[in-house]
Amino acid sequence: MVIIIGSGPIGLATAIELKKRGIESLIIERGCLVNSIFHYPVKMTFFSTSDKLEIGNIPFISHGPKPTRQEALEYYRRAAEHYKLNIRLYEEVLNVEGNDGNFILKTNKGTYSAKKVVLATGFYGQENRMNVPGEDLPKVTHYYDEPHRYAWQNVLVVGGGNSAADAALETWHCNANVSILVRYPTLKPSIKYWVKPDIENRIKEGSITAYYSSELKEIREGEVDIETPEGLITIPNDFVLAMTGYHPNFGIMEKLGIELSNDDLKMPVYSDKTLETNRKGLYVAGVVCGGMDTSRLFIENTRIHADHIAADIEQKMG
């Protein structure tokens, strides 16, 4: 038995490749199936084309040139059903004891034994906090879903990437009074090519107010303080959308005994060929391999991890 922690696309792909080799696996997921994609904005469109998101040789056909969040949810659900994968949802892994060939996993719902363990938890579940007073107020969110609730409200979007641009535009289209705060002199050049001109034009015409090279200093009910190049200002505010990015769950990696690099990236230490970590019999897969460098790894360039891991496990388990 191989236990895979995380039911994202790469976790599913690993289970599929193991099944093709006749190796039984169990996926344990603390949320819903492909939990990270489920928490994407409702109207989100992927940057990648659908063929780059395919797993298990199952065609992914989308209605447009780029697949939507809804289409991805349906596709990965269909892939899991097609291969009849063994998945336990809404169950969180608390600890992994034992050694290679004889692991004992403890969750909030039970105890399981496994010969090998694969960690494929991604990074979307842990937000990068701003660490400013008032960040825990109910009006602050690190996860944007859809714009309707922000109609006619004073909204501050924090961030300069794709998520921030999408949130700013969608809430503005719902008649919110939108401001966007960017730490750098410009928006990120990596913003989707069909979105970048739109957000830039809305800022240029004054429909959306941009504060560049600025930092959020404090959040209060009804207003926020912003440090700008011209000095500290206070603006009215009803909601703060902190689109500041996410990072892997380093806590679970530490619990599992996975060594991390001693630099700011905090990358797990693993074999490039097999994806096995310093803890023998325990593998990492998917974007979790990138540590804090969350812009380097995606579904399309980590799908190969499933093949490498399954091949190594097949060889070692016979």
Protein backbone atom coordinates (compact mmCIF):
# COMPACT_ATOMS: atom_id res chain seq x y z
CA MET A 1 0.00 0.00 0.00
CA VAL A 2 1.20 3.49 -0.90
CA ILE A 3 -0.46 6.45 0.79
CA ILE A 4 -0.60 9.76 -1.06
CA ILE A 5 -1.24 12.88 0.98
CA GLY A 6 -3.17 15.35 -1.18
CA SER A 7 -5.73 14.87 -3.95
CA GLY A 8 -4.54 17.58 -6.31
CA PRO A 9 -3.80 16.81 -9.97
CA ILE A 10 -0.32 15.44 -9.20
CA GLY A 11 -1.57 13.32 -6.31
CA LEU A 12 -4.23 11.86 -8.60
CA ALA A 13 -1.69 11.35 -11.38
CA THR A 14 0.62 9.47 -8.99
CA ALA A 15 -2.21 7.18 -7.87
CA ILE A 16 -3.07 6.51 -11.52
CA GLU A 17 0.52 5.62 -12.45
CA LEU A 18 0.78 3.31 -9.44
CA LYS A 19 -2.48 1.59 -10.41
CA LYS A 20 -1.19 1.02 -13.93
CA ARG A 21 1.72 -0.84 -12.32
CA GLY A 22 -0.59 -2.91 -10.12
CA ILE A 23 0.34 -1.07 -6.91
CA GLU A 24 -2.47 -0.26 -4.48
CA SER A 25 -2.70 3.30 -3.18
CA LEU A 26 -4.86 5.41 -0.89
CA ILE A 27 -5.22 9.18 -1.24
CA ILE A 28 -5.91 11.15 1.95
CA GLU A 29 -7.11 14.73 1.48
CA ARG A 30 -7.94 17.25 4.20
CA GLY A 31 -10.45 19.07 1.98
CA CYS A 32 -12.43 18.24 -1.15
CA LEU A 33 -11.11 16.68 -4.35
CA VAL A 34 -8.52 18.97 -6.00
CA ASN A 35 -9.08 21.29 -3.07
CA SER A 36 -6.75 24.02 -4.34
CA ILE A 37 -8.54 24.34 -7.67
CA PHE A 38 -11.89 24.38 -5.88
CA HIS A 39 -10.74 27.47 -3.96
CA TYR A 40 -9.69 29.33 -7.10
CA PRO A 41 -11.92 32.30 -8.05
CA VAL A 42 -15.21 31.08 -9.46
CA LYS A 43 -14.66 32.65 -12.89
CA MET A 44 -10.95 31.83 -13.14
CA THR A 45 -9.46 30.77 -16.48
CA PHE A 46 -6.20 28.81 -16.55
CA PHE A 47 -3.13 30.23 -18.25
CA SER A 48 -2.36 26.77 -19.68
CA THR A 49 -4.24 25.01 -22.45
CA SER A 50 -6.27 21.96 -21.44
CA ASP A 51 -3.87 19.42 -22.94
CA LYS A 52 -1.15 20.60 -20.53
CA LEU A 53 -3.39 19.73 -17.57
CA GLU A 54 -4.23 16.17 -18.62
CA ILE A 55 -3.41 13.16 -16.45
CA GLY A 56 -3.75 9.42 -16.98
CA ASN A 57 -4.06 9.75 -20.79
CA ILE A 58 -7.61 11.05 -20.38
CA PRO A 59 -8.38 13.85 -22.90
CA PHE A 60 -9.31 17.21 -21.39
CA ILE A 61 -11.61 19.03 -23.80
CA SER A 62 -12.55 22.63 -22.93
CA HIS A 63 -15.06 24.90 -24.65
CA GLY A 64 -12.58 27.76 -25.03
CA PRO A 65 -8.85 27.98 -25.81
CA LYS A 66 -8.14 28.03 -22.06
CA PRO A 67 -10.02 25.79 -19.60
CA THR A 68 -12.01 27.24 -16.73
CA ARG A 69 -12.00 26.32 -13.06
CA GLN A 70 -15.37 24.59 -13.46
CA GLU A 71 -14.13 22.51 -16.40
CA ALA A 72 -11.04 21.48 -14.42
CA LEU A 73 -13.10 20.37 -11.44
CA GLU A 74 -15.26 18.22 -13.69
CA TYR A 75 -12.22 16.81 -15.53
CA TYR A 76 -10.31 15.71 -12.43
CA ARG A 77 -13.46 14.28 -10.87
CA ARG A 78 -13.98 12.26 -14.05
CA ALA A 79 -10.36 11.06 -14.01
CA ALA A 80 -10.68 9.85 -10.41
CA GLU A 81 -13.93 8.06 -11.22
CA HIS A 82 -12.53 6.48 -14.38
CA TYR A 83 -9.60 4.89 -12.53
CA LYS A 84 -11.72 4.14 -9.43
CA LEU A 85 -9.13 5.71 -7.16
CA ASN A 86 -9.35 5.06 -3.42
CA ILE A 87 -9.75 8.52 -1.87
CA ARG A 88 -10.58 9.65 1.68
CA LEU A 89 -11.77 13.27 1.69
CA TYR A 90 -12.03 15.73 4.61
CA GLU A 91 -9.43 13.78 6.55
CA GLU A 92 -6.22 15.39 7.76
CA VAL A 93 -2.89 13.60 8.26
CA LEU A 94 -1.48 14.45 11.68
CA ASN A 95 1.73 12.44 11.72
CA VAL A 96 3.71 9.69 10.00
CA GLU A 97 5.63 7.28 12.19
CA GLY A 98 7.78 4.26 11.37
CA ASN A 99 10.30 3.65 8.63
CA ASP A 100 10.49 2.74 4.95
CA GLY A 101 8.31 -0.30 4.31
CA ASN A 102 6.46 0.07 7.60
CA PHE A 103 4.97 3.55 7.94
CA ILE A 104 2.07 4.29 10.28
CA LEU A 105 -0.06 7.32 9.36
CA LYS A 106 -2.27 8.90 11.96
CA THR A 107 -5.14 11.14 10.85
CA ASN A 108 -7.99 12.88 12.61
CA LYS A 109 -10.17 9.91 11.65
CA GLY A 110 -8.00 6.81 11.92
CA THR A 111 -4.67 5.02 11.57
CA TYR A 112 -3.24 3.50 8.38
CA SER A 113 -0.18 1.44 7.46
CA ALA A 114 1.84 1.99 4.29
CA LYS A 115 5.04 0.81 2.68
CA LYS A 116 5.66 4.17 0.95
CA VAL A 117 4.29 7.71 1.40
CA VAL A 118 3.96 10.50 -1.16
CA LEU A 119 3.43 14.11 -0.09
CA ALA A 120 1.55 16.06 -2.80
CA THR A 121 -0.08 18.87 -0.86
CA GLY A 122 0.72 21.79 -3.16
CA PHE A 123 0.97 25.27 -1.71
CA TYR A 124 -2.43 26.92 -2.06
CA GLY A 125 -3.58 26.06 1.45
CA GLN A 126 -1.19 28.39 3.30
CA GLU A 127 -1.54 32.12 2.65
CA ASN A 128 1.35 34.59 2.79
CA ARG A 129 0.27 36.93 5.57
CA MET A 130 0.85 40.67 5.45
CA ASN A 131 1.61 40.86 9.19
CA VAL A 132 -0.15 44.19 9.72
CA PRO A 133 -2.50 45.25 12.52
CA GLY A 134 -6.09 44.38 11.68
CA GLU A 135 -5.28 41.52 9.31
CA ASP A 136 -7.54 39.17 11.28
CA LEU A 137 -10.62 41.36 10.96
CA PRO A 138 -13.58 39.62 9.25
CA LYS A 139 -13.43 42.06 6.34
CA VAL A 140 -9.99 40.74 5.29
CA THR A 141 -9.67 37.67 3.08
CA HIS A 142 -6.74 35.93 1.42
CA TYR A 143 -9.05 33.92 -0.85
CA TYR A 144 -11.12 35.65 -3.50
CA ASP A 145 -14.12 33.74 -4.83
CA GLU A 146 -16.60 35.95 -6.70
CA PRO A 147 -17.39 39.68 -6.91
CA HIS A 148 -21.08 40.09 -6.06
CA ARG A 149 -20.63 40.64 -2.31
CA TYR A 150 -18.40 43.67 -2.98
CA ALA A 151 -20.93 45.68 -5.01
CA TRP A 152 -20.89 49.42 -4.05
CA GLN A 153 -18.22 48.78 -1.39
CA ASN A 154 -14.78 50.35 -0.89
CA VAL A 155 -12.42 47.51 -1.81
CA LEU A 156 -8.63 47.45 -1.45
CA VAL A 157 -6.85 44.72 -3.41
CA VAL A 158 -3.31 44.01 -2.18
CA GLY A 159 -0.94 42.45 -4.73
CA GLY A 160 0.35 42.96 -8.23
CA GLY A 161 -0.09 39.59 -9.94
CA ASN A 162 -2.79 37.61 -11.72
CA SER A 163 -5.00 37.09 -8.68
CA ALA A 164 -4.91 40.77 -7.77
CA ALA A 165 -5.67 41.89 -11.33
CA ASP A 166 -8.60 39.47 -11.64
CA ALA A 167 -10.06 40.48 -8.27
CA ALA A 168 -9.70 44.19 -9.00
CA LEU A 169 -11.35 43.95 -12.42
CA GLU A 170 -14.19 41.67 -11.37
CA THR A 171 -15.13 43.72 -8.31
CA TRP A 172 -14.91 46.93 -10.36
CA HIS A 173 -17.31 45.44 -12.91
CA CYS A 174 -19.71 44.91 -9.97
CA ASN A 175 -19.57 48.65 -9.22
CA ALA A 176 -17.17 48.43 -6.30
CA ASN A 177 -14.93 51.41 -5.58
CA VAL A 178 -11.62 49.62 -6.16
CA SER A 179 -8.06 50.49 -5.20
CA ILE A 180 -5.04 48.25 -5.78
CA LEU A 181 -1.88 48.36 -3.67
CA VAL A 182 1.37 47.12 -5.23
CA ARG A 183 4.68 46.88 -3.38
CA TYR A 184 6.63 47.42 -6.58
CA PRO A 185 6.72 50.30 -9.12
CA THR A 186 4.57 48.36 -11.61
CA LEU A 187 2.24 45.41 -11.89
CA LYS A 188 3.93 42.06 -12.48
CA PRO A 189 4.82 41.41 -16.15
CA SER A 190 3.60 37.82 -15.72
CA ILE A 191 -0.08 38.85 -15.59
CA LYS A 192 -2.12 36.98 -18.23
CA TYR A 193 -1.69 38.69 -21.58
CA TRP A 194 -5.44 39.10 -22.08
CA VAL A 195 -5.88 40.65 -18.61
CA LYS A 196 -2.86 42.99 -18.40
CA PRO A 197 -4.09 45.63 -20.90
CA ASP A 198 -7.51 45.72 -19.22
CA ILE A 199 -6.21 46.37 -15.70
CA GLU A 200 -3.63 48.88 -16.96
CA ASN A 201 -6.26 50.81 -18.91
CA ARG A 202 -8.66 50.89 -15.94
CA ILE A 203 -5.85 52.33 -13.81
CA LYS A 204 -4.82 54.82 -16.50
CA GLU A 205 -8.35 56.19 -16.88
CA GLY A 206 -8.80 56.42 -13.11
CA SER A 207 -11.53 53.81 -12.78
CA ILE A 208 -9.26 51.85 -10.44
CA THR A 209 -6.87 53.73 -8.15
CA ALA A 210 -3.36 52.26 -7.98
CA TYR A 211 -0.84 52.81 -5.18
CA TYR A 212 2.56 51.70 -6.46
CA SER A 213 5.70 51.23 -4.33
CA SER A 214 3.39 51.28 -1.33
CA GLU A 215 2.71 49.18 1.76
CA LEU A 216 -0.35 48.54 3.88
CA LYS A 217 0.35 49.70 7.44
CA GLU A 218 -2.88 49.12 9.35
CA ILE A 219 -6.45 47.88 8.79
CA ARG A 220 -9.34 49.21 10.83
CA GLU A 221 -13.10 49.06 10.58
CA GLY A 222 -14.04 51.52 7.86
CA GLU A 223 -10.53 52.56 6.78
CA VAL A 224 -6.92 51.54 6.11
CA ASP A 225 -3.54 53.27 6.36
CA ILE A 226 -1.19 53.07 3.36
CA GLU A 227 2.45 54.16 3.26
CA THR A 228 3.01 55.69 -0.18
CA PRO A 229 6.09 57.38 -1.70
CA GLU A 230 4.36 60.69 -0.86
CA GLY A 231 3.72 59.72 2.76
CA LEU A 232 1.10 58.01 4.93
CA ILE A 233 -2.51 58.25 3.75
CA THR A 234 -5.83 56.96 5.09
CA ILE A 235 -8.61 55.85 2.74
CA PRO A 236 -12.15 54.55 3.37
CA ASN A 237 -12.41 50.77 3.26
CA ASP A 238 -15.01 48.05 3.63
CA PHE A 239 -13.05 45.01 2.41
CA VAL A 240 -9.39 44.04 1.95
CA LEU A 241 -8.60 41.33 -0.60
CA ALA A 242 -5.06 40.20 0.22
CA MET A 243 -3.89 38.55 -2.99
CA THR A 244 -0.40 38.11 -1.58
CA GLY A 245 0.22 34.52 -2.63
CA TYR A 246 0.60 31.21 -0.83
CA HIS A 247 3.27 28.78 0.29
CA PRO A 248 3.59 25.04 1.04
CA ASN A 249 2.61 23.60 4.39
CA PHE A 250 6.05 23.55 5.96
CA GLY A 251 4.55 22.35 9.22
CA ILE A 252 3.59 18.97 7.82
CA MET A 253 6.99 18.62 6.12
CA GLU A 254 8.70 19.21 9.44
CA LYS A 255 6.39 16.67 11.11
CA LEU A 256 7.30 14.15 8.42
CA GLY A 257 11.01 14.76 8.96
CA ILE A 258 11.62 16.20 5.49
CA GLU A 259 14.78 18.28 5.39
CA LEU A 260 14.38 21.80 3.96
CA SER A 261 17.02 23.96 2.30
CA ASN A 262 18.52 26.52 4.67
CA ASP A 263 17.86 29.48 2.36
CA ASP A 264 14.78 31.65 1.90
CA LEU A 265 13.26 29.17 -0.59
CA LYS A 266 12.90 26.42 2.04
CA MET A 267 12.79 23.75 -0.67
CA PRO A 268 12.41 20.12 0.45
CA VAL A 269 15.52 18.05 -0.11
CA TYR A 270 14.81 15.27 -2.60
CA SER A 271 16.29 13.28 -5.46
CA ASP A 272 15.74 14.90 -8.86
CA LYS A 273 15.48 11.43 -10.40
CA THR A 274 13.13 9.65 -8.00
CA LEU A 275 11.60 12.50 -5.89
CA GLU A 276 12.49 10.53 -2.73
CA THR A 277 13.34 12.78 0.22
CA ASN A 278 15.99 12.44 2.91
CA ARG A 279 13.50 10.22 4.78
CA LYS A 280 13.73 6.95 2.94
CA GLY A 281 10.44 5.76 1.46
CA LEU A 282 8.86 9.22 1.62
CA TYR A 283 8.46 11.17 -1.64
CA VAL A 284 7.39 14.69 -2.61
CA ALA A 285 5.43 15.46 -5.78
CA GLY A 286 4.09 18.51 -7.57
CA VAL A 287 4.46 22.17 -6.76
CA VAL A 288 5.31 21.43 -3.12
CA CYS A 289 8.81 20.66 -4.44
CA GLY A 290 9.41 24.33 -5.16
CA GLY A 291 9.22 25.58 -1.59
CA MET A 292 8.68 29.34 -1.55
CA ASP A 293 9.45 29.58 -5.27
CA THR A 294 5.80 29.04 -6.15
CA SER A 295 6.07 30.59 -9.63
CA ARG A 296 8.44 27.94 -10.99
CA LEU A 297 6.39 24.74 -10.80
CA PHE A 298 2.91 24.12 -12.19
CA ILE A 299 0.65 21.19 -13.06
CA GLU A 300 2.05 21.00 -16.59
CA ASN A 301 5.72 20.70 -15.60
CA THR A 302 5.25 18.46 -12.56
CA ARG A 303 3.01 15.77 -14.08
CA ILE A 304 6.20 13.85 -14.84
CA HIS A 305 6.74 13.45 -11.08
CA ALA A 306 4.02 10.80 -11.05
CA ASP A 307 5.96 8.64 -13.55
CA HIS A 308 9.26 9.01 -11.70
CA ILE A 309 7.76 8.16 -8.31
CA ALA A 310 5.70 5.22 -9.55
CA ALA A 311 8.67 3.76 -11.43
CA ASP A 312 10.93 4.01 -8.38
CA ILE A 313 8.32 2.50 -6.06
CA GLU A 314 7.67 -0.33 -8.52
CA GLN A 315 11.38 -1.12 -8.67
CA LYS A 316 11.86 -1.04 -4.90
CA MET A 317 8.66 -2.93 -4.04
CA GLY A 318 9.14 -5.49 -6.79
